[in-house]
């Protein structure tokens, strides 16, 4: 049901999915929120291109990265 049943484009999700072996998972009806930049428990899969889903609940182990692109 995510993106009306079509590939999610415009969020750079399909385009960067799996780059550098970073974890990637696309939203669905039960987990409609994106999380970017994994936490320490994700190890080497938590790179700049990591994204996962969440149901919007509080997460005590999340982190974030500031990326400056020019």
PDB file of N, CA and C in Angstrom:
ATOM      1  N   UNK A   1       0.811  -1.204   0.000  1.00  0.00           N
ATOM      2  CA  UNK A   1       0.000   0.000   0.000  1.00  0.00           C
ATOM      3  C   UNK A   1       0.853   1.266   0.000  1.00  0.00           C
ATOM      4  N   UNK A   2       2.135   1.133   0.251  1.00  0.00           N
ATOM      5  CA  UNK A   2       2.992   2.314   0.249  1.00  0.00           C
ATOM      6  C   UNK A   2       3.050   2.909  -1.146  1.00  0.00           C
ATOM      7  N   UNK A   3       2.983   4.194  -1.246  1.00  0.00           N
ATOM      8  CA  UNK A   3       3.079   4.927  -2.519  1.00  0.00           C
ATOM      9  C   UNK A   3       1.993   4.501  -3.489  1.00  0.00           C
ATOM     10  N   UNK A   4       0.820   4.156  -2.992  1.00  0.00           N
ATOM     11  CA  UNK A   4      -0.296   3.774  -3.837  1.00  0.00           C
ATOM     12  C   UNK A   4      -0.080   2.477  -4.593  1.00  0.00           C
ATOM     13  N   UNK A   5       0.797   1.615  -4.087  1.00  0.00           N
ATOM     14  CA  UNK A   5       1.071   0.355  -4.752  1.00  0.00           C
ATOM     15  C   UNK A   5       2.110   0.451  -5.850  1.00  0.00           C
ATOM     16  N   UNK A   6       2.660   1.648  -6.052  1.00  0.00           N
ATOM     17  CA  UNK A   6       3.678   1.864  -7.065  1.00  0.00           C
ATOM     18  C   UNK A   6       5.037   2.031  -6.397  1.00  0.00           C
ATOM     19  N   UNK A   7       6.142   1.887  -7.129  1.00  0.00           N
ATOM     20  CA  UNK A   7       7.465   2.126  -6.533  1.00  0.00           C
ATOM     21  C   UNK A   7       7.558   3.536  -5.951  1.00  0.00           C
ATOM     22  N   UNK A   8       8.135   3.652  -4.766  1.00  0.00           N
ATOM     23  CA  UNK A   8       8.282   4.960  -4.108  1.00  0.00           C
ATOM     24  C   UNK A   8       9.445   5.710  -4.745  1.00  0.00           C
ATOM     25  N   UNK A   9       9.144   6.680  -5.542  1.00  0.00           N
ATOM     26  CA  UNK A   9      10.184   7.476  -6.194  1.00  0.00           C
ATOM     27  C   UNK A   9      10.139   8.893  -5.638  1.00  0.00           C
ATOM     28  N   UNK A  10      11.243   9.590  -5.735  1.00  0.00           N
ATOM     29  CA  UNK A  10      11.284  10.965  -5.280  1.00  0.00           C
ATOM     30  C   UNK A  10      11.837  11.120  -3.877  1.00  0.00           C
ATOM     31  N   UNK A  11      11.988  10.032  -3.135  1.00  0.00           N
ATOM     32  CA  UNK A  11      12.578  10.069  -1.804  1.00  0.00           C
ATOM     33  C   UNK A  11      13.977   9.481  -1.839  1.00  0.00           C
ATOM     34  N   UNK A  12      14.442   9.129  -3.029  1.00  0.00           N
ATOM     35  CA  UNK A  12      15.748   8.493  -3.242  1.00  0.00           C
ATOM     36  C   UNK A  12      15.840   7.128  -2.588  1.00  0.00           C
ATOM     37  N   UNK A  13      14.715   6.507  -2.307  1.00  0.00           N
ATOM     38  CA  UNK A  13      14.732   5.202  -1.649  1.00  0.00           C
ATOM     39  C   UNK A  13      15.069   4.085  -2.636  1.00  0.00           C
ATOM     40  N   UNK A  14      14.335   4.014  -3.736  1.00  0.00           N
ATOM     41  CA  UNK A  14      14.641   2.973  -4.723  1.00  0.00           C
ATOM     42  C   UNK A  14      16.021   3.176  -5.329  1.00  0.00           C
ATOM     43  N   UNK A  15      16.374   4.423  -5.524  1.00  0.00           N
ATOM     44  CA  UNK A  15      17.633   4.731  -6.187  1.00  0.00           C
ATOM     45  C   UNK A  15      18.860   4.339  -5.361  1.00  0.00           C
ATOM     46  N   UNK A  16      18.782   4.426  -4.040  1.00  0.00           N
ATOM     47  CA  UNK A  16      19.957   4.140  -3.203  1.00  0.00           C
ATOM     48  C   UNK A  16      19.843   2.841  -2.411  1.00  0.00           C
ATOM     49  N   UNK A  17      18.751   2.108  -2.569  1.00  0.00           N
ATOM     50  CA  UNK A  17      18.537   0.875  -1.804  1.00  0.00           C
ATOM     51  C   UNK A  17      19.698  -0.096  -1.984  1.00  0.00           C
ATOM     52  N   UNK A  18      20.319  -0.457  -0.875  1.00  0.00           N
ATOM     53  CA  UNK A  18      21.401  -1.431  -0.889  1.00  0.00           C
ATOM     54  C   UNK A  18      22.782  -0.893  -1.202  1.00  0.00           C
ATOM     55  N   UNK A  19      22.919   0.403  -1.408  1.00  0.00           N
ATOM     56  CA  UNK A  19      24.246   0.961  -1.684  1.00  0.00           C
ATOM     57  C   UNK A  19      25.174   0.665  -0.517  1.00  0.00           C
ATOM     58  N   UNK A  20      26.369   0.274  -0.794  1.00  0.00           N
ATOM     59  CA  UNK A  20      27.401  -0.022   0.198  1.00  0.00           C
ATOM     60  C   UNK A  20      26.924  -1.022   1.249  1.00  0.00           C
ATOM     61  N   UNK A  21      26.008  -1.898   0.867  1.00  0.00           N
ATOM     62  CA  UNK A  21      25.438  -2.929   1.747  1.00  0.00           C
ATOM     63  C   UNK A  21      24.673  -2.351   2.932  1.00  0.00           C
ATOM     64  N   UNK A  22      24.262  -1.089   2.843  1.00  0.00           N
ATOM     65  CA  UNK A  22      23.450  -0.500   3.905  1.00  0.00           C
ATOM     66  C   UNK A  22      22.048  -1.089   3.857  1.00  0.00           C
ATOM     67  N   UNK A  23      21.449  -1.247   5.019  1.00  0.00           N
ATOM     68  CA  UNK A  23      20.118  -1.833   5.144  1.00  0.00           C
ATOM     69  C   UNK A  23      19.084  -0.912   4.513  1.00  0.00           C
ATOM     70  N   UNK A  24      18.088  -1.492   3.855  1.00  0.00           N
ATOM     71  CA  UNK A  24      17.021  -0.686   3.258  1.00  0.00           C
ATOM     72  C   UNK A  24      15.705  -1.452   3.288  1.00  0.00           C
ATOM     73  N   UNK A  25      14.667  -0.786   3.729  1.00  0.00           N
ATOM     74  CA  UNK A  25      13.344  -1.388   3.776  1.00  0.00           C
ATOM     75  C   UNK A  25      12.318  -0.289   3.541  1.00  0.00           C
ATOM     76  N   UNK A  26      11.333  -0.541   2.693  1.00  0.00           N
ATOM     77  CA  UNK A  26      10.370   0.480   2.286  1.00  0.00           C
ATOM     78  C   UNK A  26       9.120   0.408   3.158  1.00  0.00           C
ATOM     79  N   UNK A  27       8.500   1.552   3.404  1.00  0.00           N
ATOM     80  CA  UNK A  27       7.315   1.651   4.256  1.00  0.00           C
ATOM     81  C   UNK A  27       6.178   0.770   3.753  1.00  0.00           C
ATOM     82  N   UNK A  28       5.285   0.429   4.690  1.00  0.00           N
ATOM     83  CA  UNK A  28       4.075  -0.317   4.354  1.00  0.00           C
ATOM     84  C   UNK A  28       2.951   0.177   5.257  1.00  0.00           C
ATOM     85  N   UNK A  29       1.790  -0.427   5.173  1.00  0.00           N
ATOM     86  CA  UNK A  29       0.636   0.046   5.936  1.00  0.00           C
ATOM     87  C   UNK A  29       0.859  -0.027   7.449  1.00  0.00           C
ATOM     88  N   UNK A  30       1.587  -1.025   7.938  1.00  0.00           N
ATOM     89  CA  UNK A  30       1.823  -1.174   9.376  1.00  0.00           C
ATOM     90  C   UNK A  30       2.980  -0.323   9.884  1.00  0.00           C
ATOM     91  N   UNK A  31       3.918   0.004   9.015  1.00  0.00           N
ATOM     92  CA  UNK A  31       5.096   0.802   9.376  1.00  0.00           C
ATOM     93  C   UNK A  31       5.243   1.942   8.374  1.00  0.00           C
ATOM     94  N   UNK A  32       4.461   3.025   8.535  1.00  0.00           N
ATOM     95  CA  UNK A  32       4.399   4.078   7.534  1.00  0.00           C
ATOM     96  C   UNK A  32       5.465   5.175   7.640  1.00  0.00           C
ATOM     97  N   UNK A  33       6.389   5.077   8.578  1.00  0.00           N
ATOM     98  CA  UNK A  33       7.407   6.110   8.776  1.00  0.00           C
ATOM     99  C   UNK A  33       8.783   5.578   8.403  1.00  0.00           C
ATOM    100  N   UNK A  34       9.604   6.472   7.832  1.00  0.00           N
ATOM    101  CA  UNK A  34      10.990   6.129   7.503  1.00  0.00           C
ATOM    102  C   UNK A  34      11.928   6.512   8.642  1.00  0.00           C
ATOM    103  N   UNK A  35      12.937   5.695   8.848  1.00  0.00           N
ATOM    104  CA  UNK A  35      14.037   5.998   9.753  1.00  0.00           C
ATOM    105  C   UNK A  35      15.288   5.987   8.896  1.00  0.00           C
ATOM    106  N   UNK A  36      16.099   7.018   8.983  1.00  0.00           N
ATOM    107  CA  UNK A  36      17.338   7.071   8.202  1.00  0.00           C
ATOM    108  C   UNK A  36      18.525   7.128   9.142  1.00  0.00           C
ATOM    109  N   UNK A  37      19.597   6.457   8.753  1.00  0.00           N
ATOM    110  CA  UNK A  37      20.805   6.433   9.575  1.00  0.00           C
ATOM    111  C   UNK A  37      20.621   5.519  10.767  1.00  0.00           C
ATOM    112  N   UNK A  38      20.992   4.273  10.662  1.00  0.00           N
ATOM    113  CA  UNK A  38      20.763   3.284  11.705  1.00  0.00           C
ATOM    114  C   UNK A  38      21.538   3.552  12.983  1.00  0.00           C
ATOM    115  N   UNK A  39      21.319   2.711  13.993  1.00  0.00           N
ATOM    116  CA  UNK A  39      21.997   2.864  15.282  1.00  0.00           C
ATOM    117  C   UNK A  39      23.159   1.888  15.383  1.00  0.00           C
ATOM    118  N   UNK A  40      23.902   1.981  16.455  1.00  0.00           N
ATOM    119  CA  UNK A  40      25.128   1.199  16.616  1.00  0.00           C
ATOM    120  C   UNK A  40      24.898  -0.303  16.487  1.00  0.00           C
ATOM    121  N   UNK A  41      23.730  -0.788  16.866  1.00  0.00           N
ATOM    122  CA  UNK A  41      23.431  -2.209  16.780  1.00  0.00           C
ATOM    123  C   UNK A  41      23.346  -2.726  15.348  1.00  0.00           C
ATOM    124  N   UNK A  42      23.195  -1.815  14.381  1.00  0.00           N
ATOM    125  CA  UNK A  42      23.139  -2.226  12.984  1.00  0.00           C
ATOM    126  C   UNK A  42      24.525  -2.446  12.391  1.00  0.00           C
ATOM    127  N   UNK A  43      25.561  -2.101  13.140  1.00  0.00           N
ATOM    128  CA  UNK A  43      26.934  -2.328  12.687  1.00  0.00           C
ATOM    129  C   UNK A  43      27.223  -1.693  11.346  1.00  0.00           C
ATOM    130  N   UNK A  44      27.861  -2.446  10.455  1.00  0.00           N
ATOM    131  CA  UNK A  44      28.278  -1.900   9.168  1.00  0.00           C
ATOM    132  C   UNK A  44      27.097  -1.635   8.231  1.00  0.00           C
ATOM    133  N   UNK A  45      25.908  -2.123   8.575  1.00  0.00           N
ATOM    134  CA  UNK A  45      24.731  -1.864   7.739  1.00  0.00           C
ATOM    135  C   UNK A  45      24.127  -0.495   8.011  1.00  0.00           C
ATOM    136  N   UNK A  46      24.644   0.237   8.987  1.00  0.00           N
ATOM    137  CA  UNK A  46      24.075   1.520   9.399  1.00  0.00           C
ATOM    138  C   UNK A  46      24.845   2.694   8.813  1.00  0.00           C
ATOM    139  N   UNK A  47      25.091   2.647   7.547  1.00  0.00           N
ATOM    140  CA  UNK A  47      25.821   3.729   6.899  1.00  0.00           C
ATOM    141  C   UNK A  47      24.923   4.897   6.518  1.00  0.00           C
ATOM    142  N   UNK A  48      25.475   5.780   5.735  1.00  0.00           N
ATOM    143  CA  UNK A  48      24.770   6.978   5.300  1.00  0.00           C
ATOM    144  C   UNK A  48      23.502   6.632   4.520  1.00  0.00           C
ATOM    145  N   UNK A  49      23.500   5.502   3.819  1.00  0.00           N
ATOM    146  CA  UNK A  49      22.372   5.142   2.971  1.00  0.00           C
ATOM    147  C   UNK A  49      21.380   4.197   3.652  1.00  0.00           C
ATOM    148  N   UNK A  50      21.518   3.985   4.944  1.00  0.00           N
ATOM    149  CA  UNK A  50      20.597   3.129   5.711  1.00  0.00           C
ATOM    150  C   UNK A  50      19.226   3.777   5.782  1.00  0.00           C
ATOM    151  N   UNK A  51      18.183   2.990   5.547  1.00  0.00           N
ATOM    152  CA  UNK A  51      16.835   3.425   5.892  1.00  0.00           C
ATOM    153  C   UNK A  51      15.990   2.209   6.232  1.00  0.00           C
ATOM    154  N   UNK A  52      15.079   2.422   7.148  1.00  0.00           N
ATOM    155  CA  UNK A  52      14.225   1.359   7.664  1.00  0.00           C
ATOM    156  C   UNK A  52      12.852   1.964   7.927  1.00  0.00           C
ATOM    157  N   UNK A  53      11.941   1.171   8.438  1.00  0.00           N
ATOM    158  CA  UNK A  53      10.599   1.652   8.728  1.00  0.00           C
ATOM    159  C   UNK A  53      10.323   1.594  10.227  1.00  0.00           C
ATOM    160  N   UNK A  54       9.324   2.333  10.642  1.00  0.00           N
ATOM    161  CA  UNK A  54       8.879   2.308  12.029  1.00  0.00           C
ATOM    162  C   UNK A  54       7.391   2.614  12.066  1.00  0.00           C
ATOM    163  N   UNK A  55       6.770   2.259  13.163  1.00  0.00           N
ATOM    164  CA  UNK A  55       5.352   2.571  13.326  1.00  0.00           C
ATOM    165  C   UNK A  55       5.155   3.924  14.009  1.00  0.00           C
ATOM    166  N   UNK A  56       6.228   4.623  14.285  1.00  0.00           N
ATOM    167  CA  UNK A  56       6.138   5.944  14.892  1.00  0.00           C
ATOM    168  C   UNK A  56       6.328   5.938  16.401  1.00  0.00           C
ATOM    169  N   UNK A  57       6.594   4.781  16.987  1.00  0.00           N
ATOM    170  CA  UNK A  57       6.783   4.716  18.432  1.00  0.00           C
ATOM    171  C   UNK A  57       8.163   5.264  18.818  1.00  0.00           C
ATOM    172  N   UNK A  58       8.343   5.506  20.089  1.00  0.00           N
ATOM    173  CA  UNK A  58       9.612   6.030  20.610  1.00  0.00           C
ATOM    174  C   UNK A  58      10.704   4.987  20.433  1.00  0.00           C
ATOM    175  N   UNK A  59      11.875   5.452  20.042  1.00  0.00           N
ATOM    176  CA  UNK A  59      13.017   4.563  19.831  1.00  0.00           C
ATOM    177  C   UNK A  59      14.194   5.126  20.609  1.00  0.00           C
ATOM    178  N   UNK A  60      14.647   4.421  21.610  1.00  0.00           N
ATOM    179  CA  UNK A  60      15.727   4.913  22.461  1.00  0.00           C
ATOM    180  C   UNK A  60      17.124   4.666  21.942  1.00  0.00           C
ATOM    181  N   UNK A  61      17.259   3.968  20.808  1.00  0.00           N
ATOM    182  CA  UNK A  61      18.598   3.668  20.310  1.00  0.00           C
ATOM    183  C   UNK A  61      18.874   4.307  18.954  1.00  0.00           C
ATOM    184  N   UNK A  62      17.946   5.123  18.459  1.00  0.00           N
ATOM    185  CA  UNK A  62      18.136   5.761  17.156  1.00  0.00           C
ATOM    186  C   UNK A  62      19.182   6.846  17.191  1.00  0.00           C
ATOM    187  N   UNK A  63      19.616   7.242  16.025  1.00  0.00           N
ATOM    188  CA  UNK A  63      20.592   8.312  15.891  1.00  0.00           C
ATOM    189  C   UNK A  63      20.289   9.081  14.617  1.00  0.00           C
ATOM    190  N   UNK A  64      21.107  10.064  14.334  1.00  0.00           N
ATOM    191  CA  UNK A  64      20.944  10.787  13.081  1.00  0.00           C
ATOM    192  C   UNK A  64      22.302  11.261  12.606  1.00  0.00           C
ATOM    193  N   UNK A  65      22.346  11.602  11.343  1.00  0.00           N
ATOM    194  CA  UNK A  65      23.571  12.140  10.745  1.00  0.00           C
ATOM    195  C   UNK A  65      23.217  13.406  10.002  1.00  0.00           C
ATOM    196  N   UNK A  66      24.099  14.357  10.045  1.00  0.00           N
ATOM    197  CA  UNK A  66      23.945  15.557   9.251  1.00  0.00           C
ATOM    198  C   UNK A  66      24.820  15.380   8.022  1.00  0.00           C
ATOM    199  N   UNK A  67      24.222  15.527   6.846  1.00  0.00           N
ATOM    200  CA  UNK A  67      24.937  15.348   5.592  1.00  0.00           C
ATOM    201  C   UNK A  67      24.898  16.675   4.850  1.00  0.00           C
ATOM    202  N   UNK A  68      26.047  17.165   4.466  1.00  0.00           N
ATOM    203  CA  UNK A  68      26.129  18.392   3.675  1.00  0.00           C
ATOM    204  C   UNK A  68      26.609  18.009   2.279  1.00  0.00           C
ATOM    205  N   UNK A  69      25.772  18.267   1.311  1.00  0.00           N
ATOM    206  CA  UNK A  69      26.135  17.960  -0.078  1.00  0.00           C
ATOM    207  C   UNK A  69      26.176  19.272  -0.853  1.00  0.00           C
ATOM    208  N   UNK A  70      27.205  19.407  -1.627  1.00  0.00           N
ATOM    209  CA  UNK A  70      27.285  20.642  -2.429  1.00  0.00           C
ATOM    210  C   UNK A  70      27.510  20.322  -3.882  1.00  0.00           C
TER     211      UNK A  70
END
